[in-house]
Protein backbone atom coordinates (compact mmCIF):
# COMPACT_ATOMS: atom_id res chain seq x y z
CA MET A 1 -53.44 52.99 64.86
CA THR A 2 -52.97 49.77 66.87
CA HIS A 3 -51.96 46.72 64.88
CA THR A 4 -54.24 43.71 65.33
CA THR A 5 -52.37 40.42 65.03
CA VAL A 6 -54.08 38.09 62.54
CA LEU A 7 -54.77 34.40 63.38
CA LEU A 8 -52.99 35.02 66.68
CA HIS A 9 -54.07 32.00 68.74
CA GLU A 10 -54.30 29.65 65.76
CA ALA A 11 -50.67 30.32 64.83
CA VAL A 12 -49.23 30.17 68.35
CA ASP A 13 -51.26 27.11 69.40
CA GLY A 14 -50.33 25.37 66.14
CA LEU A 15 -46.62 25.72 66.93
CA ASN A 16 -47.13 23.46 69.97
CA LEU A 17 -44.32 25.07 71.96
CA LYS A 18 -43.33 23.64 75.35
CA GLN A 19 -41.53 24.92 78.42
CA SER A 20 -37.92 25.89 77.60
CA SER A 21 -38.60 25.93 73.83
CA ILE A 22 -36.65 28.26 71.56
CA PHE A 23 -39.05 30.28 69.36
CA VAL A 24 -38.18 32.50 66.40
CA ASP A 25 -40.64 35.27 65.57
CA ALA A 26 -39.20 35.94 62.12
CA THR A 27 -41.54 38.86 61.37
CA LEU A 28 -41.89 40.60 64.71
CA ASN A 29 -44.17 43.48 63.66
CA ALA A 30 -45.77 44.81 66.86
CA GLY A 31 -44.83 41.70 68.84
CA GLY A 32 -48.30 40.18 69.22
CA HIS A 33 -47.26 36.58 68.60
CA SER A 34 -44.18 36.81 70.83
CA GLU A 35 -46.18 38.40 73.62
CA LEU A 36 -48.69 35.50 73.56
CA VAL A 37 -45.91 32.89 73.49
CA LEU A 38 -44.27 34.48 76.54
CA SER A 39 -47.54 34.68 78.45
CA GLN A 40 -48.61 31.10 77.62
CA LEU A 41 -45.29 29.65 78.80
CA ASP A 42 -44.93 31.99 81.80
CA GLY A 43 -41.77 33.42 80.28
CA ASN A 44 -40.07 30.00 80.34
CA VAL A 45 -39.15 30.20 76.66
CA ARG A 46 -36.38 31.82 74.66
CA VAL A 47 -37.66 34.20 71.97
CA ILE A 48 -35.65 35.53 69.03
CA GLY A 49 -37.47 38.42 67.34
CA ILE A 50 -36.50 39.53 63.83
CA ASP A 51 -37.70 42.54 61.85
CA ILE A 52 -36.02 44.74 59.27
CA ASP A 53 -38.13 47.74 60.36
CA ALA A 54 -36.59 49.66 63.29
CA ASP A 55 -40.01 51.11 64.14
CA ALA A 56 -41.49 47.61 64.46
CA ILE A 57 -38.75 46.55 66.88
CA ALA A 58 -39.31 49.68 68.96
CA ARG A 59 -43.07 48.96 69.13
CA ALA A 60 -42.48 45.33 70.07
CA LYS A 61 -40.05 46.29 72.84
CA ALA A 62 -42.51 48.84 74.23
CA ARG A 63 -45.27 46.24 74.18
CA ILE A 64 -43.42 43.20 75.54
CA ILE A 65 -40.73 44.36 77.95
CA PRO A 66 -42.85 46.34 80.49
CA ALA A 67 -45.19 43.34 81.00
CA ASN A 68 -42.40 40.73 80.88
CA THR A 69 -39.42 42.35 82.59
CA THR A 70 -37.60 39.01 82.91
CA ALA A 71 -38.49 37.82 79.40
CA ASN A 72 -35.70 36.00 77.58
CA ILE A 73 -36.13 37.79 74.28
CA ALA A 74 -33.52 39.15 71.89
CA PHE A 75 -34.28 41.58 69.07
CA PHE A 76 -32.52 41.59 65.70
CA GLN A 77 -32.98 44.22 63.00
CA GLU A 78 -32.52 42.07 59.92
CA ASN A 79 -34.38 40.75 56.87
CA PHE A 80 -35.96 37.37 57.64
CA ARG A 81 -34.25 35.93 54.56
CA ASN A 82 -31.09 35.97 56.72
CA ILE A 83 -32.59 33.85 59.52
CA ASP A 84 -29.50 31.61 59.50
CA LYS A 85 -27.23 34.61 60.06
CA VAL A 86 -29.41 35.82 62.97
CA LEU A 87 -29.40 32.40 64.65
CA ASP A 88 -25.62 32.21 64.28
CA GLN A 89 -25.32 35.64 65.92
CA ALA A 90 -27.61 34.47 68.73
CA GLY A 91 -25.50 31.36 69.23
CA VAL A 92 -28.44 29.07 68.45
CA ALA A 93 -28.02 25.98 66.29
CA GLN A 94 -31.57 24.56 66.29
CA VAL A 95 -34.98 25.88 67.37
CA ASP A 96 -38.41 24.46 68.24
CA GLY A 97 -40.74 26.85 66.47
CA ILE A 98 -40.56 29.49 63.74
CA LEU A 99 -43.34 31.88 62.72
CA PHE A 100 -43.57 34.05 59.61
CA ASP A 101 -46.46 36.54 59.43
CA LEU A 102 -46.00 37.98 55.95
CA GLY A 103 -48.54 40.80 56.17
CA LEU A 104 -47.88 44.51 56.49
CA SER A 105 -48.74 45.83 59.93
CA SER A 106 -51.41 48.50 60.31
CA ASN A 107 -48.69 50.79 61.68
CA GLN A 108 -46.65 50.43 58.48
CA ILE A 109 -49.69 51.21 56.36
CA GLU A 110 -50.98 54.13 58.42
CA GLU A 111 -47.94 55.68 60.12
CA SER A 112 -44.67 54.69 58.44
CA GLY A 113 -44.34 57.75 56.19
CA ARG A 114 -43.09 55.45 53.41
CA GLY A 115 -46.06 55.48 51.04
CA PHE A 116 -47.59 52.05 51.69
CA SER A 117 -51.09 53.55 51.80
CA PHE A 118 -52.67 54.97 48.65
CA LYS A 119 -54.55 57.52 50.76
CA THR A 120 -51.53 59.61 51.79
CA ASP A 121 -49.18 62.28 50.46
CA GLU A 122 -46.21 60.27 51.72
CA PRO A 123 -43.11 59.87 49.53
CA LEU A 124 -43.06 56.83 47.24
CA LEU A 125 -40.66 54.55 49.11
CA MET A 126 -42.56 51.35 50.08
CA THR A 127 -39.45 49.95 51.76
CA MET A 128 -39.84 47.62 54.75
CA LYS A 129 -36.59 49.10 55.98
CA LYS A 130 -36.92 52.52 57.62
CA ASP A 131 -33.36 53.82 57.54
CA LEU A 132 -32.33 53.95 53.89
CA LEU A 133 -28.80 54.46 52.68
CA PRO A 134 -28.22 56.94 49.83
CA GLY A 135 -29.13 55.40 46.49
CA GLU A 136 -31.12 52.46 47.90
CA PHE A 137 -33.89 51.19 45.65
CA THR A 138 -37.43 52.50 46.27
CA ALA A 139 -40.89 52.63 44.68
CA PHE A 140 -39.99 56.04 43.25
CA ASP A 141 -37.33 54.36 41.09
CA ILE A 142 -39.75 51.76 39.73
CA VAL A 143 -42.53 54.22 39.00
CA ASN A 144 -40.33 56.86 37.41
CA THR A 145 -37.63 54.90 35.58
CA TRP A 146 -38.90 51.45 34.59
CA GLY A 147 -40.11 50.93 31.02
CA GLU A 148 -43.80 50.55 30.28
CA ASP A 149 -43.54 46.82 29.55
CA SER A 150 -41.62 46.16 32.78
CA LEU A 151 -44.20 48.10 34.79
CA ALA A 152 -47.04 46.19 33.17
CA ASP A 153 -45.28 42.89 33.83
CA ILE A 154 -44.87 43.44 37.57
CA ILE A 155 -48.37 44.91 38.02
CA TYR A 156 -49.80 41.85 36.31
CA GLY A 157 -47.33 39.33 37.73
CA TYR A 158 -47.19 40.53 41.35
CA GLY A 159 -50.52 42.33 41.56
CA GLU A 160 -52.54 39.99 39.32
CA ASP A 161 -54.29 43.09 37.96
CA ARG A 162 -56.03 42.57 34.60
CA PHE A 163 -55.72 46.29 33.84
CA ALA A 164 -51.91 46.20 34.15
CA ARG A 165 -51.21 47.45 30.61
CA ARG A 166 -53.57 50.42 30.97
CA ILE A 167 -52.10 51.31 34.37
CA ALA A 168 -48.50 51.11 33.10
CA LYS A 169 -49.33 53.34 30.13
CA ALA A 170 -51.00 55.92 32.43
CA ILE A 171 -47.95 55.96 34.74
CA VAL A 172 -45.54 56.53 31.85
CA THR A 173 -47.75 59.27 30.37
CA ALA A 174 -48.05 61.06 33.74
CA ARG A 175 -44.33 60.96 34.55
CA GLU A 176 -43.47 62.56 31.20
CA ILE A 177 -45.15 65.71 32.52
CA GLN A 178 -43.53 65.57 35.97
CA PRO A 179 -42.07 62.91 38.30
CA ILE A 180 -44.56 60.93 40.38
CA LYS A 181 -43.46 61.63 43.94
CA THR A 182 -46.22 60.61 46.36
CA ALA A 183 -48.48 57.67 47.07
CA GLN A 184 -51.56 59.83 46.50
CA GLU A 185 -50.33 60.89 43.07
CA LEU A 186 -49.76 57.28 42.03
CA SER A 187 -53.14 56.23 43.41
CA ASP A 188 -54.91 58.97 41.43
CA ILE A 189 -53.12 57.94 38.22
CA VAL A 190 -54.14 54.30 38.67
CA ALA A 191 -57.75 55.26 39.43
CA SER A 192 -57.89 57.37 36.25
CA ALA A 193 -56.65 54.44 34.15
CA VAL A 194 -59.14 51.74 35.10
CA PRO A 195 -62.92 51.39 34.71
CA LYS A 196 -65.00 52.56 37.64
CA PHE A 197 -66.83 49.23 37.93
CA GLY A 198 -65.49 46.15 39.73
CA PHE A 199 -63.83 47.86 42.70
CA LYS A 200 -66.58 47.81 45.32
CA LYS A 201 -64.50 46.09 48.01
CA ILE A 202 -60.97 47.34 47.31
CA ASN A 203 -59.36 50.54 46.12
CA PRO A 204 -58.43 50.38 42.39
CA ALA A 205 -54.78 51.03 43.35
CA THR A 206 -54.55 48.12 45.81
CA LYS A 207 -53.04 45.60 43.40
CA THR A 208 -50.61 48.09 41.86
CA PHE A 209 -49.33 49.10 45.30
CA GLN A 210 -49.00 45.42 46.27
CA ALA A 211 -47.02 44.68 43.11
CA ILE A 212 -44.62 47.61 43.51
CA ARG A 213 -44.08 46.86 47.22
CA ILE A 214 -43.28 43.21 46.43
CA ALA A 215 -40.77 44.30 43.76
CA VAL A 216 -39.09 46.92 45.97
CA ASN A 217 -38.55 44.48 48.84
CA ASP A 218 -38.01 41.32 46.75
CA GLU A 219 -40.63 39.72 48.99
CA LEU A 220 -41.16 36.55 46.98
CA GLY A 221 -37.41 36.04 46.61
CA ALA A 222 -37.01 36.46 50.38
CA ILE A 223 -39.65 33.80 51.09
CA LYS A 224 -38.09 31.33 48.64
CA GLU A 225 -34.67 31.92 50.17
CA THR A 226 -35.67 31.68 53.83
CA LEU A 227 -37.92 28.58 53.78
CA PRO A 228 -35.15 25.98 53.33
CA LYS A 229 -32.87 27.86 55.75
CA ALA A 230 -35.59 28.00 58.40
CA PHE A 231 -36.64 24.36 57.98
CA ALA A 232 -33.01 23.25 58.29
CA ARG A 233 -32.73 24.97 61.69
CA LEU A 234 -35.81 23.25 63.18
CA ASN A 235 -35.31 20.48 65.72
CA PRO A 236 -37.05 17.19 64.88
CA GLY A 237 -40.62 17.68 66.10
CA GLY A 238 -40.24 21.44 65.70
CA ARG A 239 -42.83 23.34 63.72
CA MET A 240 -42.89 26.21 61.24
CA ALA A 241 -46.00 28.34 60.72
CA LEU A 242 -46.56 30.82 57.90
CA ILE A 243 -49.35 33.36 57.52
CA SER A 244 -49.64 34.66 53.96
CA PHE A 245 -51.93 37.32 52.53
CA HIS A 246 -52.02 36.72 48.79
CA SER A 247 -51.94 33.77 46.43
CA LEU A 248 -48.35 34.34 45.25
CA GLU A 249 -46.97 33.91 48.77
CA ASP A 250 -49.29 31.04 49.60
CA ARG A 251 -48.33 29.17 46.43
CA ILE A 252 -44.62 29.26 47.37
CA VAL A 253 -45.34 28.06 50.91
CA LYS A 254 -47.74 25.33 49.78
CA ARG A 255 -45.22 23.98 47.26
CA PHE A 256 -42.33 23.96 49.75
CA PHE A 257 -44.38 22.24 52.48
CA LYS A 258 -45.67 19.67 50.00
CA GLU A 259 -42.12 18.85 48.84
CA LYS A 260 -40.97 18.33 52.44
CA ALA A 261 -43.96 16.10 53.20
CA GLU A 262 -43.49 14.00 50.05
CA ALA A 263 -39.78 13.60 50.83
CA GLY A 264 -40.65 12.25 54.27
CA GLU A 265 -38.95 15.19 55.98
CA GLY A 266 -42.07 16.91 57.26
CA ARG A 267 -45.67 16.32 58.31
CA LEU A 268 -48.41 18.76 57.28
CA ILE A 269 -50.23 19.95 60.40
CA THR A 270 -52.65 21.92 58.22
CA LYS A 271 -53.84 19.79 55.29
CA LYS A 272 -55.70 22.86 54.07
CA PRO A 273 -54.79 26.38 55.17
CA GLN A 274 -56.55 27.80 58.21
CA ILE A 275 -58.40 31.04 57.53
CA PRO A 276 -59.79 33.66 59.91
CA SER A 277 -63.21 33.10 61.43
CA PRO A 278 -66.13 35.25 60.25
CA GLN A 279 -65.92 37.03 63.62
CA GLU A 280 -62.23 37.89 63.14
CA VAL A 281 -62.90 39.20 59.61
CA ALA A 282 -65.78 41.33 60.93
CA GLU A 283 -63.57 42.77 63.68
CA ASN A 284 -60.47 43.15 61.47
CA PRO A 285 -61.32 43.34 57.74
CA ARG A 286 -57.59 43.29 56.85
CA SER A 287 -57.47 39.68 57.99
CA ARG A 288 -59.87 38.49 55.26
CA SER A 289 -57.22 37.15 52.88
CA ALA A 290 -54.96 35.53 55.50
CA LYS A 291 -54.00 31.85 55.23
CA LEU A 292 -52.08 29.88 57.85
CA ARG A 293 -50.03 26.78 56.99
CA ILE A 294 -48.04 24.74 59.51
CA ILE A 295 -45.50 21.95 59.00
CA GLU A 296 -43.70 19.74 61.55
CA LYS A 297 -40.17 18.49 60.93
CA LEU A 298 -39.81 14.73 61.20
């Protein structure tokens, strides 16, 4: 499975990078955005690539380095919430552009072995991080130990699933017989708990898997923590672009950008979020929910 970068040109063009800019790709994934930045500026740019997933960094290196042997790019295996720590390690005080692409890559969904896809017999991990230390928190812990009310709350709160109570009850009932160990098992339990109507476009387990993944990785907390840190490290005239894939993420980004604009600290480059073209959605259905917002620091 090859990952297709969503809103690739829109995001990179919107950053308005120049020769000798310093660019932070805060969610490296397969390196699509960084590769385009390097090619557009003929390598005359410094790139700092961040990803918590060791597999993603390996894919990005394999993609970028052979074609750009002199590329000034450094790779950091770290959570993007620690962008300030990474920049300190890189010896960089201020930067000219920062990009966050908050979506899962196709490789993570299809090949990670961590249970992101509801079509696999993979273990229930759902961690962005590949190399787990003993006792680190995973989807297995949520599904098999959290109380019914807590499960319902996150499935409704993070997945916005109206059948959250029914799904939580089904999970608790199933795990009393035996632990729920794989993504396929969880998917089957969810499917058995909800009505068969109303799921023509998405799998019935989609929202439950989204909710559990968000909880495991504290994704919303990470976004809230990193936005002020990232904005603080922008040079005046520097830009920050964010691609989100569901309303919870987009709401946080929209609110933060609005606050900066109203305080006179930033200028909204995108008054309304940019969305993929009909052609991009046809070619890559996973892009359909993507929204791009860009702000410039004043």
